[in-house]
Amino acid sequence: IFNNYIINSVDELITWQPKIESALFSHRESFPYEFPQIINIPITETEVICTISSLENKTLCGYDGLSNKILKLCGSQISKPLTYIYNKSLTCGICPNPLKYAIIKPCFKKGDKSQVSNYIPVSLLTGFSKIFELLIFHRLKHHLVSNNILVNEQFGFHDNASTDNAIFKLMESIFNAWNNKEYVTGLLCDVTKAFDSVSHELLIL
């Protein structure tokens, strides 16, 4: 029941996306900026060991039954083959299918517990997937920051920037408008299942 609800609810949300995607793709050539290509930085064995050590000591595990605690205990022994696999994946541009598999568990959010719509899906990935995810994240973050691609209004996933900074900037704009006897208008958007309905085509555009 949970599985059918999660799949169908996401499919219903993205039915409107093709029209938007076609409009954006038609204006792709008019995009005013030319960003540099990301450089493939080889993953080192030392980096893999450090990434394994940085994992939280959680007992939860993915379908392989290996928790982070186990991986941290044998990090130095498994770092060499992992380094080879991760670098091979970066070079080929292919993520191994076993790293994509996850255990999906429904997590109660609020309201009536008998209603499936009041649960959110939580993915339990393998530790090997998390390690690869962190390695990719650091490279992507370095590329975005070093090439000044992120806009100033991007407060999440930024060093020394958080939601507190976003709130402070919003309040500062409101108070400045009031002091200048100007009108203040706010438009707040709450996107249902925002991450689930993200279009991969738009994401890589």
C-alpha atoms as a PDB file:
ATOM      1  CA  ILE A   1       0.000   0.000   0.000  1.00  0.00           C
ATOM      2  CA  PHE A   2       2.776   2.409   0.934  1.00  0.00           C
ATOM      3  CA  ASN A   3       4.747   1.539  -2.172  1.00  0.00           C
ATOM      4  CA  ASN A   4       1.828   2.147  -4.519  1.00  0.00           C
ATOM      5  CA  TYR A   5       0.939   5.435  -2.823  1.00  0.00           C
ATOM      6  CA  ILE A   6       4.490   6.802  -2.983  1.00  0.00           C
ATOM      7  CA  ILE A   7       4.946   5.901  -6.660  1.00  0.00           C
ATOM      8  CA  ASN A   8       1.515   7.105  -7.803  1.00  0.00           C
ATOM      9  CA  SER A   9       1.595  10.371  -5.830  1.00  0.00           C
ATOM     10  CA  VAL A  10       4.924  11.360  -7.376  1.00  0.00           C
ATOM     11  CA  ASP A  11       3.743  10.415 -10.878  1.00  0.00           C
ATOM     12  CA  GLU A  12       0.709  12.659 -10.445  1.00  0.00           C
ATOM     13  CA  LEU A  13       2.867  15.598  -9.361  1.00  0.00           C
ATOM     14  CA  ILE A  14       5.192  15.474 -12.361  1.00  0.00           C
ATOM     15  CA  THR A  15       2.487  15.243 -15.021  1.00  0.00           C
ATOM     16  CA  TRP A  16       2.758  19.010 -15.539  1.00  0.00           C
ATOM     17  CA  GLN A  17       6.538  19.027 -16.018  1.00  0.00           C
ATOM     18  CA  PRO A  18       6.879  18.150 -19.750  1.00  0.00           C
ATOM     19  CA  LYS A  19       5.299  21.464 -20.810  1.00  0.00           C
ATOM     20  CA  ILE A  20       7.641  23.459 -18.583  1.00  0.00           C
ATOM     21  CA  GLU A  21      10.665  21.429 -19.689  1.00  0.00           C
ATOM     22  CA  SER A  22       9.919  21.968 -23.383  1.00  0.00           C
ATOM     23  CA  ALA A  23       9.663  25.715 -22.819  1.00  0.00           C
ATOM     24  CA  LEU A  24      12.965  25.835 -20.938  1.00  0.00           C
ATOM     25  CA  PHE A  25      14.785  23.649 -23.461  1.00  0.00           C
ATOM     26  CA  SER A  26      13.658  25.968 -26.262  1.00  0.00           C
ATOM     27  CA  HIS A  27      15.382  28.889 -24.491  1.00  0.00           C
ATOM     28  CA  ARG A  28      18.504  26.974 -23.586  1.00  0.00           C
ATOM     29  CA  GLU A  29      20.703  28.749 -26.151  1.00  0.00           C
ATOM     30  CA  SER A  30      19.773  32.167 -24.745  1.00  0.00           C
ATOM     31  CA  PHE A  31      21.206  31.417 -21.293  1.00  0.00           C
ATOM     32  CA  PRO A  32      23.589  34.357 -20.616  1.00  0.00           C
ATOM     33  CA  TYR A  33      26.351  32.505 -18.765  1.00  0.00           C
ATOM     34  CA  GLU A  34      28.935  29.951 -19.827  1.00  0.00           C
ATOM     35  CA  PHE A  35      30.124  27.852 -16.922  1.00  0.00           C
ATOM     36  CA  PRO A  36      33.365  25.836 -16.992  1.00  0.00           C
ATOM     37  CA  GLN A  37      33.219  22.071 -17.165  1.00  0.00           C
ATOM     38  CA  ILE A  38      33.798  20.255 -13.901  1.00  0.00           C
ATOM     39  CA  ILE A  39      37.259  18.707 -13.664  1.00  0.00           C
ATOM     40  CA  ASN A  40      37.572  15.014 -12.862  1.00  0.00           C
ATOM     41  CA  ILE A  41      39.729  14.946  -9.725  1.00  0.00           C
ATOM     42  CA  PRO A  42      40.904  11.367  -9.004  1.00  0.00           C
ATOM     43  CA  ILE A  43      39.865   9.937  -5.655  1.00  0.00           C
ATOM     44  CA  THR A  44      42.761   8.933  -3.434  1.00  0.00           C
ATOM     45  CA  GLU A  45      42.875   6.025  -1.020  1.00  0.00           C
ATOM     46  CA  THR A  46      43.628   8.425   1.841  1.00  0.00           C
ATOM     47  CA  GLU A  47      40.514  10.396   0.955  1.00  0.00           C
ATOM     48  CA  VAL A  48      38.394   7.258   1.038  1.00  0.00           C
ATOM     49  CA  ILE A  49      39.766   6.320   4.478  1.00  0.00           C
ATOM     50  CA  CYS A  50      39.067   9.824   5.826  1.00  0.00           C
ATOM     51  CA  THR A  51      35.543   9.756   4.380  1.00  0.00           C
ATOM     52  CA  ILE A  52      34.841   6.391   5.991  1.00  0.00           C
ATOM     53  CA  SER A  53      36.104   7.731   9.321  1.00  0.00           C
ATOM     54  CA  SER A  54      33.758  10.729   9.029  1.00  0.00           C
ATOM     55  CA  LEU A  55      30.650   8.529   8.849  1.00  0.00           C
ATOM     56  CA  GLU A  56      28.286   8.685  11.797  1.00  0.00           C
ATOM     57  CA  ASN A  57      28.320   5.700  14.137  1.00  0.00           C
ATOM     58  CA  LYS A  58      24.866   4.514  13.144  1.00  0.00           C
ATOM     59  CA  THR A  59      23.683   0.949  13.591  1.00  0.00           C
ATOM     60  CA  LEU A  60      21.113   1.275  10.773  1.00  0.00           C
ATOM     61  CA  CYS A  61      22.163  -0.340   7.524  1.00  0.00           C
ATOM     62  CA  GLY A  62      21.036  -0.808   3.948  1.00  0.00           C
ATOM     63  CA  TYR A  63      20.100  -3.982   2.142  1.00  0.00           C
ATOM     64  CA  ASP A  64      23.679  -5.306   2.471  1.00  0.00           C
ATOM     65  CA  GLY A  65      23.399  -5.503   6.266  1.00  0.00           C
ATOM     66  CA  LEU A  66      26.618  -3.523   6.861  1.00  0.00           C
ATOM     67  CA  SER A  67      26.368  -0.624   9.290  1.00  0.00           C
ATOM     68  CA  ASN A  68      28.685   2.388   9.391  1.00  0.00           C
ATOM     69  CA  LYS A  69      30.316   0.989  12.523  1.00  0.00           C
ATOM     70  CA  ILE A  70      31.427  -2.122  10.637  1.00  0.00           C
ATOM     71  CA  LEU A  71      32.748  -0.081   7.709  1.00  0.00           C
ATOM     72  CA  LYS A  72      34.749   2.159  10.048  1.00  0.00           C
ATOM     73  CA  LEU A  73      36.321  -0.859  11.729  1.00  0.00           C
ATOM     74  CA  CYS A  74      37.633  -2.230   8.429  1.00  0.00           C
ATOM     75  CA  GLY A  75      38.120   1.062   6.569  1.00  0.00           C
ATOM     76  CA  SER A  76      41.830   0.637   5.908  1.00  0.00           C
ATOM     77  CA  GLN A  77      41.286  -2.908   4.576  1.00  0.00           C
ATOM     78  CA  ILE A  78      38.530  -2.017   2.087  1.00  0.00           C
ATOM     79  CA  SER A  79      39.789   1.417   1.014  1.00  0.00           C
ATOM     80  CA  LYS A  80      41.895   0.182  -1.924  1.00  0.00           C
ATOM     81  CA  PRO A  81      39.168  -1.703  -3.844  1.00  0.00           C
ATOM     82  CA  LEU A  82      36.680   1.071  -3.069  1.00  0.00           C
ATOM     83  CA  THR A  83      39.057   3.684  -4.462  1.00  0.00           C
ATOM     84  CA  TYR A  84      39.362   1.701  -7.690  1.00  0.00           C
ATOM     85  CA  ILE A  85      35.583   1.265  -8.035  1.00  0.00           C
ATOM     86  CA  TYR A  86      34.809   4.923  -7.300  1.00  0.00           C
ATOM     87  CA  ASN A  87      37.434   6.210  -9.733  1.00  0.00           C
ATOM     88  CA  LYS A  88      36.206   3.794 -12.394  1.00  0.00           C
ATOM     89  CA  SER A  89      32.700   5.122 -11.888  1.00  0.00           C
ATOM     90  CA  LEU A  90      33.861   8.737 -12.245  1.00  0.00           C
ATOM     91  CA  THR A  91      35.845   7.956 -15.383  1.00  0.00           C
ATOM     92  CA  CYS A  92      33.022   6.028 -17.068  1.00  0.00           C
ATOM     93  CA  GLY A  93      30.259   8.295 -15.818  1.00  0.00           C
ATOM     94  CA  ILE A  94      28.278   5.293 -14.603  1.00  0.00           C
ATOM     95  CA  CYS A  95      27.078   4.697 -11.054  1.00  0.00           C
ATOM     96  CA  PRO A  96      27.010   0.959 -10.192  1.00  0.00           C
ATOM     97  CA  ASN A  97      23.437  -0.254  -9.807  1.00  0.00           C
ATOM     98  CA  PRO A  98      24.038  -1.825  -6.356  1.00  0.00           C
ATOM     99  CA  LEU A  99      24.845   1.661  -5.037  1.00  0.00           C
ATOM    100  CA  LYS A 100      21.389   2.860  -6.133  1.00  0.00           C
ATOM    101  CA  TYR A 101      19.397   0.278  -4.201  1.00  0.00           C
ATOM    102  CA  ALA A 102      17.775   1.387  -0.945  1.00  0.00           C
ATOM    103  CA  ILE A 103      15.390   0.126   1.674  1.00  0.00           C
ATOM    104  CA  ILE A 104      12.377   2.460   1.751  1.00  0.00           C
ATOM    105  CA  LYS A 105      10.644   2.778   5.107  1.00  0.00           C
ATOM    106  CA  PRO A 106       7.530   4.870   5.812  1.00  0.00           C
ATOM    107  CA  CYS A 107       8.061   7.397   8.596  1.00  0.00           C
ATOM    108  CA  PHE A 108       5.026   8.876  10.348  1.00  0.00           C
ATOM    109  CA  LYS A 109       4.848  12.670  10.098  1.00  0.00           C
ATOM    110  CA  LYS A 110       1.583  13.909  11.637  1.00  0.00           C
ATOM    111  CA  GLY A 111      -2.157  13.410  11.692  1.00  0.00           C
ATOM    112  CA  ASP A 112      -4.075  10.155  11.458  1.00  0.00           C
ATOM    113  CA  LYS A 113      -1.740   7.158  11.534  1.00  0.00           C
ATOM    114  CA  SER A 114      -4.172   5.115   9.463  1.00  0.00           C
ATOM    115  CA  GLN A 115      -3.768   7.465   6.464  1.00  0.00           C
ATOM    116  CA  VAL A 116      -0.830   6.617   4.188  1.00  0.00           C
ATOM    117  CA  SER A 117      -0.611  10.278   3.095  1.00  0.00           C
ATOM    118  CA  ASN A 118       0.618  11.166   6.595  1.00  0.00           C
ATOM    119  CA  TYR A 119       3.824   9.168   6.126  1.00  0.00           C
ATOM    120  CA  ILE A 120       6.998  10.157   4.321  1.00  0.00           C
ATOM    121  CA  PRO A 121       9.391   7.669   2.709  1.00  0.00           C
ATOM    122  CA  VAL A 122      12.883   7.377   4.219  1.00  0.00           C
ATOM    123  CA  SER A 123      15.634   5.741   2.169  1.00  0.00           C
ATOM    124  CA  LEU A 124      18.214   3.561   3.887  1.00  0.00           C
ATOM    125  CA  LEU A 125      21.204   3.465   1.553  1.00  0.00           C
ATOM    126  CA  THR A 126      24.276   1.321   1.974  1.00  0.00           C
ATOM    127  CA  GLY A 127      27.378   2.753   3.592  1.00  0.00           C
ATOM    128  CA  PHE A 128      29.237   2.364   0.281  1.00  0.00           C
ATOM    129  CA  SER A 129      26.643   4.621  -1.357  1.00  0.00           C
ATOM    130  CA  LYS A 130      27.067   7.245   1.368  1.00  0.00           C
ATOM    131  CA  ILE A 131      30.854   7.228   0.973  1.00  0.00           C
ATOM    132  CA  PHE A 132      30.585   7.755  -2.775  1.00  0.00           C
ATOM    133  CA  GLU A 133      27.955  10.441  -2.234  1.00  0.00           C
ATOM    134  CA  LEU A 134      30.290  12.388   0.079  1.00  0.00           C
ATOM    135  CA  LEU A 135      33.199  12.108  -2.349  1.00  0.00           C
ATOM    136  CA  ILE A 136      31.047  13.460  -5.187  1.00  0.00           C
ATOM    137  CA  PHE A 137      29.596  16.177  -2.950  1.00  0.00           C
ATOM    138  CA  HIS A 138      33.029  17.581  -2.041  1.00  0.00           C
ATOM    139  CA  ARG A 139      34.029  17.732  -5.713  1.00  0.00           C
ATOM    140  CA  LEU A 140      30.790  19.366  -6.790  1.00  0.00           C
ATOM    141  CA  LYS A 141      30.944  21.871  -3.947  1.00  0.00           C
ATOM    142  CA  HIS A 142      34.556  22.767  -4.803  1.00  0.00           C
ATOM    143  CA  HIS A 143      33.562  23.310  -8.429  1.00  0.00           C
ATOM    144  CA  LEU A 144      30.600  25.543  -7.559  1.00  0.00           C
ATOM    145  CA  VAL A 145      32.484  27.653  -5.009  1.00  0.00           C
ATOM    146  CA  SER A 146      35.773  28.020  -6.893  1.00  0.00           C
ATOM    147  CA  ASN A 147      33.962  29.140 -10.056  1.00  0.00           C
ATOM    148  CA  ASN A 148      31.564  31.419  -8.163  1.00  0.00           C
ATOM    149  CA  ILE A 149      28.518  29.660  -9.628  1.00  0.00           C
ATOM    150  CA  LEU A 150      26.253  29.777  -6.560  1.00  0.00           C
ATOM    151  CA  VAL A 151      24.279  32.998  -6.188  1.00  0.00           C
ATOM    152  CA  ASN A 152      24.393  35.051  -2.992  1.00  0.00           C
ATOM    153  CA  GLU A 153      20.795  34.099  -2.245  1.00  0.00           C
ATOM    154  CA  GLN A 154      21.820  30.432  -1.920  1.00  0.00           C
ATOM    155  CA  PHE A 155      22.039  29.928   1.841  1.00  0.00           C
ATOM    156  CA  GLY A 156      21.836  26.147   2.008  1.00  0.00           C
ATOM    157  CA  PHE A 157      24.912  23.960   1.349  1.00  0.00           C
ATOM    158  CA  HIS A 158      27.178  26.980   1.818  1.00  0.00           C
ATOM    159  CA  ASP A 159      29.987  27.402   4.325  1.00  0.00           C
ATOM    160  CA  ASN A 160      29.191  30.026   6.970  1.00  0.00           C
ATOM    161  CA  ALA A 161      25.647  30.412   5.613  1.00  0.00           C
ATOM    162  CA  SER A 162      22.452  29.001   7.065  1.00  0.00           C
ATOM    163  CA  THR A 163      18.743  29.649   7.352  1.00  0.00           C
ATOM    164  CA  ASP A 164      19.580  32.224  10.024  1.00  0.00           C
ATOM    165  CA  ASN A 165      21.302  34.330   7.364  1.00  0.00           C
ATOM    166  CA  ALA A 166      18.276  34.006   5.096  1.00  0.00           C
ATOM    167  CA  ILE A 167      15.913  35.157   7.872  1.00  0.00           C
ATOM    168  CA  PHE A 168      18.216  38.057   8.762  1.00  0.00           C
ATOM    169  CA  LYS A 169      18.345  39.240   5.143  1.00  0.00           C
ATOM    170  CA  LEU A 170      14.559  38.992   4.833  1.00  0.00           C
ATOM    171  CA  MET A 171      13.954  40.967   8.029  1.00  0.00           C
ATOM    172  CA  GLU A 172      16.520  43.569   6.991  1.00  0.00           C
ATOM    173  CA  SER A 173      14.722  44.105   3.662  1.00  0.00           C
ATOM    174  CA  ILE A 174      11.347  44.437   5.413  1.00  0.00           C
ATOM    175  CA  PHE A 175      12.607  46.951   7.979  1.00  0.00           C
ATOM    176  CA  ASN A 176      14.371  49.004   5.322  1.00  0.00           C
ATOM    177  CA  ALA A 177      11.142  49.159   3.324  1.00  0.00           C
ATOM    178  CA  TRP A 178       9.163  50.220   6.379  1.00  0.00           C
ATOM    179  CA  ASN A 179      11.688  52.941   7.208  1.00  0.00           C
ATOM    180  CA  ASN A 180      11.341  54.250   3.660  1.00  0.00           C
ATOM    181  CA  LYS A 181       7.532  54.086   3.952  1.00  0.00           C
ATOM    182  CA  GLU A 182       7.315  51.514   1.185  1.00  0.00           C
ATOM    183  CA  TYR A 183       4.920  48.604   0.806  1.00  0.00           C
ATOM    184  CA  VAL A 184       6.110  45.097   1.619  1.00  0.00           C
ATOM    185  CA  THR A 185       4.710  42.081  -0.201  1.00  0.00           C
ATOM    186  CA  GLY A 186       5.637  38.458   0.431  1.00  0.00           C
ATOM    187  CA  LEU A 187       5.047  35.383  -1.682  1.00  0.00           C
ATOM    188  CA  LEU A 188       5.645  32.068   0.103  1.00  0.00           C
ATOM    189  CA  CYS A 189       5.638  28.793  -1.821  1.00  0.00           C
ATOM    190  CA  ASP A 190       5.311  25.360  -0.272  1.00  0.00           C
ATOM    191  CA  VAL A 191       6.043  22.722  -2.898  1.00  0.00           C
ATOM    192  CA  THR A 192       4.535  19.318  -2.182  1.00  0.00           C
ATOM    193  CA  LYS A 193       7.120  16.507  -2.324  1.00  0.00           C
ATOM    194  CA  ALA A 194       9.650  18.954  -3.736  1.00  0.00           C
ATOM    195  CA  PHE A 195      12.604  16.567  -3.812  1.00  0.00           C
ATOM    196  CA  ASP A 196      10.577  13.647  -5.155  1.00  0.00           C
ATOM    197  CA  SER A 197       9.202  15.647  -8.063  1.00  0.00           C
ATOM    198  CA  VAL A 198      12.509  17.206  -9.185  1.00  0.00           C
ATOM    199  CA  SER A 199      12.974  16.712 -12.928  1.00  0.00           C
ATOM    200  CA  HIS A 200      16.324  15.104 -13.713  1.00  0.00           C
ATOM    201  CA  GLU A 201      16.256  16.660 -17.188  1.00  0.00           C
ATOM    202  CA  LEU A 202      15.957  20.154 -15.734  1.00  0.00           C
ATOM    203  CA  LEU A 203      18.543  19.392 -13.075  1.00  0.00           C
ATOM    204  CA  ILE A 204      21.258  18.650 -15.631  1.00  0.00           C
ATOM    205  CA  LEU A 205      20.189  21.368 -18.077  1.00  0.00           C
END
